[in-house]
Amino acid sequence: MINQDIMSQLRQKQKELNEAEQEKKAAEEEKKREERKRREKNKSFEELLGESNLNWKNYK
């Protein structure tokens, strides 16, 4: 059998690794969100018009 002290150390290390992975995922999501926001901000009028769901012919 494995010593209880070693088991507790392994569990603690596993917990730390899981937390580090969650932080990494959160940072990656934040980076993607910022990139989308930056791209949206820099879109040209033509791109915005093309993405619009409105039928502009009705307003002529």
PDB file of N, CA and C in Angstrom:
ATOM      1  N   MET A   1       0.825  -1.197   0.000  1.00  0.00           N
ATOM      2  CA  MET A   1       0.000   0.000   0.000  1.00  0.00           C
ATOM      3  C   MET A   1       0.869   1.261   0.000  1.00  0.00           C
ATOM      4  N   ILE A   2       0.262   2.306  -0.535  1.00  0.00           N
ATOM      5  CA  ILE A   2       0.959   3.594  -0.581  1.00  0.00           C
ATOM      6  C   ILE A   2       0.697   4.340   0.721  1.00  0.00           C
ATOM      7  N   ASN A   3       1.701   4.972   1.204  1.00  0.00           N
ATOM      8  CA  ASN A   3       1.615   5.745   2.433  1.00  0.00           C
ATOM      9  C   ASN A   3       0.561   6.852   2.281  1.00  0.00           C
ATOM     10  N   GLN A   4      -0.205   7.131   3.309  1.00  0.00           N
ATOM     11  CA  GLN A   4      -1.256   8.160   3.280  1.00  0.00           C
ATOM     12  C   GLN A   4      -0.684   9.540   2.962  1.00  0.00           C
ATOM     13  N   ASP A   5       0.510   9.798   3.453  1.00  0.00           N
ATOM     14  CA  ASP A   5       1.155  11.087   3.179  1.00  0.00           C
ATOM     15  C   ASP A   5       1.419  11.256   1.689  1.00  0.00           C
ATOM     16  N   ILE A   6       1.887  10.202   1.052  1.00  0.00           N
ATOM     17  CA  ILE A   6       2.153  10.251  -0.388  1.00  0.00           C
ATOM     18  C   ILE A   6       0.850  10.412  -1.152  1.00  0.00           C
ATOM     19  N   MET A   7      -0.192   9.709  -0.723  1.00  0.00           N
ATOM     20  CA  MET A   7      -1.505   9.827  -1.377  1.00  0.00           C
ATOM     21  C   MET A   7      -2.036  11.254  -1.274  1.00  0.00           C
ATOM     22  N   SER A   8      -1.907  11.870  -0.118  1.00  0.00           N
ATOM     23  CA  SER A   8      -2.395  13.244   0.043  1.00  0.00           C
ATOM     24  C   SER A   8      -1.586  14.209  -0.826  1.00  0.00           C
ATOM     25  N   GLN A   9      -0.291  13.973  -0.951  1.00  0.00           N
ATOM     26  CA  GLN A   9       0.542  14.808  -1.812  1.00  0.00           C
ATOM     27  C   GLN A   9       0.123  14.662  -3.277  1.00  0.00           C
ATOM     28  N   LEU A  10      -0.164  13.442  -3.689  1.00  0.00           N
ATOM     29  CA  LEU A  10      -0.601  13.207  -5.072  1.00  0.00           C
ATOM     30  C   LEU A  10      -1.945  13.870  -5.351  1.00  0.00           C
ATOM     31  N   ARG A  11      -2.851  13.776  -4.399  1.00  0.00           N
ATOM     32  CA  ARG A  11      -4.153  14.424  -4.564  1.00  0.00           C
ATOM     33  C   ARG A  11      -4.012  15.941  -4.635  1.00  0.00           C
ATOM     34  N   GLN A  12      -3.145  16.490  -3.813  1.00  0.00           N
ATOM     35  CA  GLN A  12      -2.902  17.931  -3.825  1.00  0.00           C
ATOM     36  C   GLN A  12      -2.306  18.359  -5.160  1.00  0.00           C
ATOM     37  N   LYS A  13      -1.364  17.580  -5.670  1.00  0.00           N
ATOM     38  CA  LYS A  13      -0.743  17.893  -6.955  1.00  0.00           C
ATOM     39  C   LYS A  13      -1.772  17.815  -8.083  1.00  0.00           C
ATOM     40  N   GLN A  14      -2.655  16.818  -8.034  1.00  0.00           N
ATOM     41  CA  GLN A  14      -3.702  16.681  -9.038  1.00  0.00           C
ATOM     42  C   GLN A  14      -4.644  17.883  -8.994  1.00  0.00           C
ATOM     43  N   LYS A  15      -4.986  18.316  -7.801  1.00  0.00           N
ATOM     44  CA  LYS A  15      -5.859  19.474  -7.637  1.00  0.00           C
ATOM     45  C   LYS A  15      -5.200  20.725  -8.219  1.00  0.00           C
ATOM     46  N   GLU A  16      -3.909  20.901  -7.942  1.00  0.00           N
ATOM     47  CA  GLU A  16      -3.174  22.056  -8.474  1.00  0.00           C
ATOM     48  C   GLU A  16      -3.122  22.025  -9.992  1.00  0.00           C
ATOM     49  N   LEU A  17      -2.902  20.849 -10.573  1.00  0.00           N
ATOM     50  CA  LEU A  17      -2.855  20.729 -12.032  1.00  0.00           C
ATOM     51  C   LEU A  17      -4.211  21.040 -12.653  1.00  0.00           C
ATOM     52  N   ASN A  18      -5.285  20.572 -12.029  1.00  0.00           N
ATOM     53  CA  ASN A  18      -6.627  20.865 -12.529  1.00  0.00           C
ATOM     54  C   ASN A  18      -6.920  22.362 -12.480  1.00  0.00           C
ATOM     55  N   GLU A  19      -6.530  23.005 -11.402  1.00  0.00           N
ATOM     56  CA  GLU A  19      -6.738  24.447 -11.277  1.00  0.00           C
ATOM     57  C   GLU A  19      -5.934  25.207 -12.317  1.00  0.00           C
ATOM     58  N   ALA A  20      -4.709  24.778 -12.559  1.00  0.00           N
ATOM     59  CA  ALA A  20      -3.860  25.436 -13.557  1.00  0.00           C
ATOM     60  C   ALA A  20      -4.462  25.271 -14.944  1.00  0.00           C
ATOM     61  N   GLU A  21      -5.004  24.102 -15.233  1.00  0.00           N
ATOM     62  CA  GLU A  21      -5.626  23.870 -16.534  1.00  0.00           C
ATOM     63  C   GLU A  21      -6.877  24.731 -16.704  1.00  0.00           C
ATOM     64  N   GLN A  22      -7.666  24.871 -15.650  1.00  0.00           N
ATOM     65  CA  GLN A  22      -8.856  25.714 -15.711  1.00  0.00           C
ATOM     66  C   GLN A  22      -8.473  27.173 -15.940  1.00  0.00           C
ATOM     67  N   GLU A  23      -7.435  27.632 -15.276  1.00  0.00           N
ATOM     68  CA  GLU A  23      -6.961  29.006 -15.474  1.00  0.00           C
ATOM     69  C   GLU A  23      -6.481  29.211 -16.903  1.00  0.00           C
ATOM     70  N   LYS A  24      -5.798  28.221 -17.443  1.00  0.00           N
ATOM     71  CA  LYS A  24      -5.312  28.295 -18.816  1.00  0.00           C
ATOM     72  C   LYS A  24      -6.487  28.380 -19.791  1.00  0.00           C
ATOM     73  N   LYS A  25      -7.515  27.574 -19.570  1.00  0.00           N
ATOM     74  CA  LYS A  25      -8.696  27.602 -20.432  1.00  0.00           C
ATOM     75  C   LYS A  25      -9.406  28.951 -20.337  1.00  0.00           C
ATOM     76  N   ALA A  26      -9.512  29.488 -19.133  1.00  0.00           N
ATOM     77  CA  ALA A  26     -10.159  30.787 -18.950  1.00  0.00           C
ATOM     78  C   ALA A  26      -9.380  31.883 -19.667  1.00  0.00           C
ATOM     79  N   ALA A  27      -8.062  31.839 -19.584  1.00  0.00           N
ATOM     80  CA  ALA A  27      -7.234  32.835 -20.265  1.00  0.00           C
ATOM     81  C   ALA A  27      -7.377  32.706 -21.783  1.00  0.00           C
ATOM     82  N   GLU A  28      -7.456  31.490 -22.263  1.00  0.00           N
ATOM     83  CA  GLU A  28      -7.617  31.267 -23.694  1.00  0.00           C
ATOM     84  C   GLU A  28      -8.968  31.793 -24.179  1.00  0.00           C
ATOM     85  N   GLU A  29     -10.024  31.561 -23.409  1.00  0.00           N
ATOM     86  CA  GLU A  29     -11.349  32.074 -23.762  1.00  0.00           C
ATOM     87  C   GLU A  29     -11.357  33.601 -23.771  1.00  0.00           C
ATOM     88  N   GLU A  30     -10.707  34.196 -22.787  1.00  0.00           N
ATOM     89  CA  GLU A  30     -10.622  35.653 -22.726  1.00  0.00           C
ATOM     90  C   GLU A  30      -9.882  36.199 -23.939  1.00  0.00           C
ATOM     91  N   LYS A  31      -8.810  35.520 -24.329  1.00  0.00           N
ATOM     92  CA  LYS A  31      -8.039  35.941 -25.497  1.00  0.00           C
ATOM     93  C   LYS A  31      -8.902  35.859 -26.760  1.00  0.00           C
ATOM     94  N   LYS A  32      -9.661  34.789 -26.906  1.00  0.00           N
ATOM     95  CA  LYS A  32     -10.541  34.645 -28.069  1.00  0.00           C
ATOM     96  C   LYS A  32     -11.618  35.725 -28.075  1.00  0.00           C
ATOM     97  N   ARG A  33     -12.162  36.029 -26.911  1.00  0.00           N
ATOM     98  CA  ARG A  33     -13.196  37.055 -26.795  1.00  0.00           C
ATOM     99  C   ARG A  33     -12.641  38.424 -27.203  1.00  0.00           C
ATOM    100  N   GLU A  34     -11.440  38.725 -26.732  1.00  0.00           N
ATOM    101  CA  GLU A  34     -10.804  39.993 -27.091  1.00  0.00           C
ATOM    102  C   GLU A  34     -10.514  40.070 -28.586  1.00  0.00           C
ATOM    103  N   GLU A  35     -10.080  38.952 -29.168  1.00  0.00           N
ATOM    104  CA  GLU A  35      -9.795  38.920 -30.605  1.00  0.00           C
ATOM    105  C   GLU A  35     -11.075  39.158 -31.411  1.00  0.00           C
ATOM    106  N   ARG A  36     -12.177  38.518 -31.021  1.00  0.00           N
ATOM    107  CA  ARG A  36     -13.459  38.738 -31.703  1.00  0.00           C
ATOM    108  C   ARG A  36     -13.888  40.191 -31.586  1.00  0.00           C
ATOM    109  N   LYS A  37     -13.709  40.752 -30.407  1.00  0.00           N
ATOM    110  CA  LYS A  37     -14.090  42.145 -30.176  1.00  0.00           C
ATOM    111  C   LYS A  37     -13.256  43.088 -31.043  1.00  0.00           C
ATOM    112  N   ARG A  38     -11.964  42.799 -31.147  1.00  0.00           N
ATOM    113  CA  ARG A  38     -11.079  43.624 -31.957  1.00  0.00           C
ATOM    114  C   ARG A  38     -11.446  43.518 -33.436  1.00  0.00           C
ATOM    115  N   ARG A  39     -11.722  42.304 -33.913  1.00  0.00           N
ATOM    116  CA  ARG A  39     -12.106  42.129 -35.321  1.00  0.00           C
ATOM    117  C   ARG A  39     -13.421  42.835 -35.613  1.00  0.00           C
ATOM    118  N   GLU A  40     -14.374  42.737 -34.689  1.00  0.00           N
ATOM    119  CA  GLU A  40     -15.674  43.394 -34.877  1.00  0.00           C
ATOM    120  C   GLU A  40     -15.497  44.909 -34.946  1.00  0.00           C
ATOM    121  N   LYS A  41     -14.617  45.435 -34.138  1.00  0.00           N
ATOM    122  CA  LYS A  41     -14.373  46.872 -34.101  1.00  0.00           C
ATOM    123  C   LYS A  41     -13.751  47.372 -35.403  1.00  0.00           C
ATOM    124  N   ASN A  42     -12.932  46.540 -36.043  1.00  0.00           N
ATOM    125  CA  ASN A  42     -12.212  46.958 -37.240  1.00  0.00           C
ATOM    126  C   ASN A  42     -12.913  46.588 -38.551  1.00  0.00           C
ATOM    127  N   LYS A  43     -14.151  46.149 -38.490  1.00  0.00           N
ATOM    128  CA  LYS A  43     -14.860  45.779 -39.714  1.00  0.00           C
ATOM    129  C   LYS A  43     -15.201  47.017 -40.535  1.00  0.00           C
ATOM    130  N   SER A  44     -15.179  46.822 -41.843  1.00  0.00           N
ATOM    131  CA  SER A  44     -15.536  47.916 -42.739  1.00  0.00           C
ATOM    132  C   SER A  44     -17.059  47.995 -42.860  1.00  0.00           C
ATOM    133  N   PHE A  45     -17.528  49.084 -43.417  1.00  0.00           N
ATOM    134  CA  PHE A  45     -18.967  49.260 -43.603  1.00  0.00           C
ATOM    135  C   PHE A  45     -19.525  48.166 -44.505  1.00  0.00           C
ATOM    136  N   GLU A  46     -18.781  47.778 -45.521  1.00  0.00           N
ATOM    137  CA  GLU A  46     -19.230  46.739 -46.446  1.00  0.00           C
ATOM    138  C   GLU A  46     -19.437  45.408 -45.714  1.00  0.00           C
ATOM    139  N   GLU A  47     -18.514  45.060 -44.823  1.00  0.00           N
ATOM    140  CA  GLU A  47     -18.637  43.818 -44.055  1.00  0.00           C
ATOM    141  C   GLU A  47     -19.846  43.872 -43.128  1.00  0.00           C
ATOM    142  N   LEU A  48     -20.038  45.000 -42.462  1.00  0.00           N
ATOM    143  CA  LEU A  48     -21.187  45.145 -41.570  1.00  0.00           C
ATOM    144  C   LEU A  48     -22.498  45.072 -42.344  1.00  0.00           C
ATOM    145  N   LEU A  49     -22.544  45.700 -43.505  1.00  0.00           N
ATOM    146  CA  LEU A  49     -23.737  45.681 -44.338  1.00  0.00           C
ATOM    147  C   LEU A  49     -24.014  44.269 -44.838  1.00  0.00           C
ATOM    148  N   GLY A  50     -22.987  43.550 -45.215  1.00  0.00           N
ATOM    149  CA  GLY A  50     -23.143  42.181 -45.695  1.00  0.00           C
ATOM    150  C   GLY A  50     -23.648  41.240 -44.624  1.00  0.00           C
ATOM    151  N   GLU A  51     -23.313  41.487 -43.370  1.00  0.00           N
ATOM    152  CA  GLU A  51     -23.745  40.642 -42.265  1.00  0.00           C
ATOM    153  C   GLU A  51     -25.126  41.011 -41.746  1.00  0.00           C
ATOM    154  N   SER A  52     -25.648  42.126 -42.193  1.00  0.00           N
ATOM    155  CA  SER A  52     -26.941  42.593 -41.720  1.00  0.00           C
ATOM    156  C   SER A  52     -28.046  41.665 -42.213  1.00  0.00           C
ATOM    157  N   ASN A  53     -29.031  41.414 -41.349  1.00  0.00           N
ATOM    158  CA  ASN A  53     -30.171  40.564 -41.710  1.00  0.00           C
ATOM    159  C   ASN A  53     -31.295  41.355 -42.356  1.00  0.00           C
ATOM    160  N   LEU A  54     -31.185  42.640 -42.382  1.00  0.00           N
ATOM    161  CA  LEU A  54     -32.253  43.481 -42.940  1.00  0.00           C
ATOM    162  C   LEU A  54     -32.236  43.436 -44.453  1.00  0.00           C
ATOM    163  N   ASN A  55     -33.400  43.551 -45.044  1.00  0.00           N
ATOM    164  CA  ASN A  55     -33.515  43.619 -46.495  1.00  0.00           C
ATOM    165  C   ASN A  55     -33.546  45.111 -46.850  1.00  0.00           C
ATOM    166  N   TRP A  56     -32.404  45.598 -47.310  1.00  0.00           N
ATOM    167  CA  TRP A  56     -32.246  47.027 -47.545  1.00  0.00           C
ATOM    168  C   TRP A  56     -33.059  47.523 -48.736  1.00  0.00           C
ATOM    169  N   LYS A  57     -33.510  46.637 -49.606  1.00  0.00           N
ATOM    170  CA  LYS A  57     -34.321  47.035 -50.749  1.00  0.00           C
ATOM    171  C   LYS A  57     -35.673  47.577 -50.295  1.00  0.00           C
ATOM    172  N   ASN A  58     -36.138  47.166 -49.151  1.00  0.00           N
ATOM    173  CA  ASN A  58     -37.420  47.650 -48.617  1.00  0.00           C
ATOM    174  C   ASN A  58     -37.341  49.110 -48.192  1.00  0.00           C
ATOM    175  N   TYR A  59     -36.149  49.630 -47.985  1.00  0.00           N
ATOM    176  CA  TYR A  59     -35.977  50.999 -47.486  1.00  0.00           C
ATOM    177  C   TYR A  59     -35.612  51.995 -48.571  1.00  0.00           C
ATOM    178  N   LYS A  60     -35.606  51.553 -49.821  1.00  0.00           N
ATOM    179  CA  LYS A  60     -35.269  52.463 -50.931  1.00  0.00           C
ATOM    180  C   LYS A  60     -36.453  53.305 -51.304  1.00  0.00           C
TER     181      LYS A  60
END
